[in-house]
Amino acid sequence: MISSLSGILEASGKDWAVINVSGVGFRTYMPASSPALIGELGQRVRVFTHLHVREDALNLFGFGTAEELSLFETLIDVSGIGPKLGLAMLSAMNAEALASAIISGNAELLSTIPGVGKKTASRIVLELKDKITKSWEAGVLSQVTEANSDILATLTALGYSAGEAAKAIASLEDITGLPLEERIKLALNYFNNK
């Protein structure tokens, strides 16, 4: 099993990177944000990997952090979630926001991810809520709570990705007690100030 790669970033695309390790280029499929985050072309990089073996293919999936890899492997354990859908989920939301959505039972937010329907989202929450709660630290999970799920749903309905919406929520100061409209305006200001 290939558990990580350390080498020179030779090429990258939207959801893949080629990492040259001692003259051998390994193509790894990655969440959409990962190739840009791991480094610049020509730099030495390290990615954590999962080798997915099928009858007709060997696919290598790479992640910038061990937490992302762990969440990916947990996701693909759910019946009906293959590696491509697991990767799409981590492309739509960062690992912390995705874990938070699962722990808070926010199936509605999960169903906004392309390829994840309401039934699949409910199954993910049912099967993984306890597993992920045990493996993720409470401080990391504070980004998405049930109190902010309305804001996240509104921002995704306005066309922002779930990951962008989670970042906007995380940037807000104490918003408890404010009406929903005010909280949404404050979250939208995050995008105006970028």
Protein backbone atom coordinates (compact mmCIF):
# COMPACT_ATOMS: atom_id res chain seq x y z
CA MET A 1 0.00 0.00 0.00
CA ILE A 2 1.27 3.47 -0.87
CA SER A 3 0.53 5.62 2.18
CA SER A 4 2.28 8.84 1.15
CA LEU A 5 4.39 10.40 -1.59
CA SER A 6 7.22 12.85 -1.18
CA GLY A 7 8.72 14.32 -4.31
CA ILE A 8 8.67 17.14 -6.84
CA LEU A 9 5.33 18.52 -8.04
CA GLU A 10 5.68 17.99 -11.77
CA ALA A 11 2.21 18.93 -13.06
CA SER A 12 -1.24 19.66 -11.71
CA GLY A 13 -4.81 20.15 -12.86
CA LYS A 14 -8.15 20.91 -11.29
CA ASP A 15 -8.38 17.61 -9.40
CA TRP A 16 -5.05 15.87 -9.93
CA ALA A 17 -1.31 16.26 -9.55
CA VAL A 18 1.74 14.41 -10.82
CA ILE A 19 4.40 13.94 -8.17
CA ASN A 20 7.82 12.79 -9.33
CA VAL A 21 9.38 10.45 -6.78
CA SER A 22 12.92 9.43 -7.79
CA GLY A 23 12.14 9.60 -11.50
CA VAL A 24 8.69 7.99 -11.35
CA GLY A 25 5.69 10.30 -11.84
CA PHE A 26 2.67 9.30 -9.74
CA ARG A 27 -0.65 10.76 -10.88
CA THR A 28 -2.83 11.35 -7.83
CA TYR A 29 -6.44 12.45 -7.85
CA MET A 30 -7.04 15.15 -5.27
CA PRO A 31 -9.80 17.42 -3.96
CA ALA A 32 -10.13 20.45 -6.24
CA SER A 33 -8.35 22.80 -3.81
CA SER A 34 -5.44 20.48 -2.96
CA PRO A 35 -3.11 20.84 -5.97
CA ALA A 36 -2.96 24.59 -5.43
CA LEU A 37 -2.45 24.20 -1.66
CA ILE A 38 0.33 21.60 -1.66
CA GLY A 39 2.81 23.82 -3.48
CA GLU A 40 4.13 25.33 -6.69
CA LEU A 41 5.32 23.38 -9.72
CA GLY A 42 8.93 22.30 -9.26
CA GLN A 43 8.73 22.35 -5.44
CA ARG A 44 9.13 19.37 -3.14
CA VAL A 45 5.75 18.30 -1.77
CA ARG A 46 4.30 15.58 0.42
CA VAL A 47 0.83 14.11 0.11
CA PHE A 48 -0.98 11.43 2.08
CA THR A 49 -2.42 8.80 -0.24
CA HIS A 50 -5.03 6.09 -0.58
CA LEU A 51 -4.52 3.42 -3.23
CA HIS A 52 -7.87 2.25 -4.54
CA VAL A 53 -7.66 -1.15 -6.20
CA ARG A 54 -10.30 -2.27 -8.68
CA GLU A 55 -10.42 -5.13 -11.10
CA ASP A 56 -9.53 -2.87 -14.02
CA ALA A 57 -7.60 0.00 -12.41
CA LEU A 58 -5.28 1.16 -9.67
CA ASN A 59 -6.11 4.76 -8.68
CA LEU A 60 -4.10 6.84 -6.26
CA PHE A 61 -5.92 9.54 -4.28
CA GLY A 62 -3.83 12.22 -2.56
CA PHE A 63 -4.53 14.66 0.27
CA GLY A 64 -2.67 17.57 1.81
CA THR A 65 -3.35 16.45 5.40
CA ALA A 66 -3.75 13.19 7.27
CA GLU A 67 -7.16 14.42 8.47
CA GLU A 68 -8.42 14.76 4.88
CA LEU A 69 -7.19 11.26 4.10
CA SER A 70 -8.86 9.86 7.20
CA LEU A 71 -12.18 11.53 6.36
CA PHE A 72 -11.98 10.29 2.75
CA GLU A 73 -11.39 6.70 3.89
CA THR A 74 -14.28 6.99 6.34
CA LEU A 75 -16.58 8.34 3.61
CA ILE A 76 -15.82 5.56 1.14
CA ASP A 77 -16.73 2.97 3.77
CA VAL A 78 -20.37 4.08 3.40
CA SER A 79 -22.34 1.90 1.01
CA GLY A 80 -22.84 3.73 -2.28
CA ILE A 81 -19.99 6.21 -1.73
CA GLY A 82 -17.13 5.48 -4.07
CA PRO A 83 -13.79 7.26 -4.21
CA LYS A 84 -14.93 9.69 -6.93
CA LEU A 85 -17.92 10.84 -4.86
CA GLY A 86 -15.77 11.00 -1.71
CA LEU A 87 -13.33 13.19 -3.61
CA ALA A 88 -16.17 15.36 -4.92
CA MET A 89 -17.41 15.85 -1.36
CA LEU A 90 -13.97 16.98 -0.20
CA SER A 91 -13.76 19.28 -3.24
CA ALA A 92 -17.08 20.93 -2.38
CA MET A 93 -16.27 21.44 1.31
CA ASN A 94 -13.07 21.45 3.29
CA ALA A 95 -12.57 18.53 5.68
CA GLU A 96 -13.51 20.51 8.81
CA ALA A 97 -16.76 21.83 7.34
CA LEU A 98 -17.70 18.40 5.96
CA ALA A 99 -17.03 16.70 9.29
CA SER A 100 -19.00 19.42 11.09
CA ALA A 101 -21.97 18.99 8.75
CA ILE A 102 -21.99 15.25 9.41
CA ILE A 103 -21.66 15.63 13.18
CA SER A 104 -24.40 18.26 13.36
CA GLY A 105 -26.65 15.99 11.29
CA ASN A 106 -27.01 18.58 8.54
CA ALA A 107 -28.13 16.25 5.72
CA GLU A 108 -29.63 19.25 3.91
CA LEU A 109 -26.20 20.86 3.56
CA LEU A 110 -24.64 17.57 2.44
CA SER A 111 -27.31 17.17 -0.23
CA THR A 112 -26.17 20.46 -1.84
CA ILE A 113 -22.96 18.69 -2.91
CA PRO A 114 -23.22 17.53 -6.54
CA GLY A 115 -23.83 13.77 -6.65
CA VAL A 116 -25.17 13.56 -3.11
CA GLY A 117 -28.94 13.21 -2.93
CA LYS A 118 -31.12 13.46 0.17
CA LYS A 119 -31.12 9.70 0.78
CA THR A 120 -27.35 9.45 0.46
CA ALA A 121 -26.86 12.49 2.72
CA SER A 122 -29.12 10.94 5.36
CA ARG A 123 -27.26 7.63 5.12
CA ILE A 124 -23.91 9.41 5.54
CA VAL A 125 -25.14 11.19 8.68
CA LEU A 126 -26.65 7.99 10.11
CA GLU A 127 -23.59 5.82 9.48
CA LEU A 128 -20.80 8.30 10.21
CA LYS A 129 -22.01 10.71 12.89
CA ASP A 130 -20.64 8.67 15.81
CA LYS A 131 -17.44 7.63 14.01
CA ILE A 132 -16.51 11.17 13.06
CA THR A 133 -17.49 12.61 16.43
CA LYS A 134 -14.95 10.30 18.08
CA SER A 135 -12.15 11.07 15.63
CA TRP A 136 -12.38 14.86 15.24
CA GLU A 137 -11.48 17.40 17.90
CA ALA A 138 -14.26 19.65 19.13
CA GLY A 139 -12.31 22.83 18.33
CA VAL A 140 -12.02 21.93 14.67
CA LEU A 141 -15.72 21.19 14.45
CA SER A 142 -16.95 24.57 15.61
CA GLN A 143 -17.23 26.01 12.07
CA VAL A 144 -20.66 24.65 11.21
CA THR A 145 -23.34 24.32 13.86
CA GLU A 146 -27.07 23.86 13.70
CA ALA A 147 -27.44 27.57 14.49
CA ASN A 148 -25.59 28.45 11.25
CA SER A 149 -27.15 25.80 9.02
CA ASP A 150 -29.76 28.31 7.78
CA ILE A 151 -27.00 30.69 6.73
CA LEU A 152 -25.15 27.90 4.94
CA ALA A 153 -28.30 26.77 3.15
CA THR A 154 -29.04 30.35 2.05
CA LEU A 155 -25.49 31.01 0.79
CA THR A 156 -25.43 27.75 -1.18
CA ALA A 157 -28.84 28.60 -2.65
CA LEU A 158 -27.33 31.92 -3.79
CA GLY A 159 -24.68 30.00 -5.73
CA TYR A 160 -21.74 29.88 -3.33
CA SER A 161 -20.11 26.50 -2.84
CA ALA A 162 -20.58 24.78 0.51
CA GLY A 163 -16.88 25.31 1.23
CA GLU A 164 -17.09 29.05 0.51
CA ALA A 165 -20.19 29.33 2.68
CA ALA A 166 -18.47 27.50 5.55
CA LYS A 167 -15.49 29.88 5.32
CA ALA A 168 -17.82 32.89 5.42
CA ILE A 169 -19.52 31.51 8.55
CA ALA A 170 -16.18 30.77 10.20
CA SER A 171 -15.07 34.38 9.62
CA LEU A 172 -18.03 35.82 11.57
CA GLU A 173 -17.67 37.12 15.09
CA ASP A 174 -20.30 36.37 17.75
CA ILE A 175 -23.62 36.44 15.88
CA THR A 176 -25.84 34.76 18.45
CA GLY A 177 -29.07 36.62 19.03
CA LEU A 178 -29.06 38.38 15.67
CA PRO A 179 -31.98 37.78 13.30
CA LEU A 180 -31.31 35.45 10.37
CA GLU A 181 -31.37 38.31 7.85
CA GLU A 182 -28.61 40.18 9.73
CA ARG A 183 -26.48 37.03 10.00
CA ILE A 184 -26.83 36.45 6.25
CA LYS A 185 -25.84 40.07 5.51
CA LEU A 186 -22.74 39.71 7.67
CA ALA A 187 -21.81 36.47 5.90
CA LEU A 188 -22.28 38.14 2.49
CA ASN A 189 -19.93 40.94 3.60
CA TYR A 190 -17.18 38.28 3.79
CA PHE A 191 -17.43 37.87 0.00
CA ASN A 192 -17.55 41.65 -0.59
CA ASN A 193 -14.36 42.15 1.44
CA LYS A 194 -12.36 39.46 -0.37
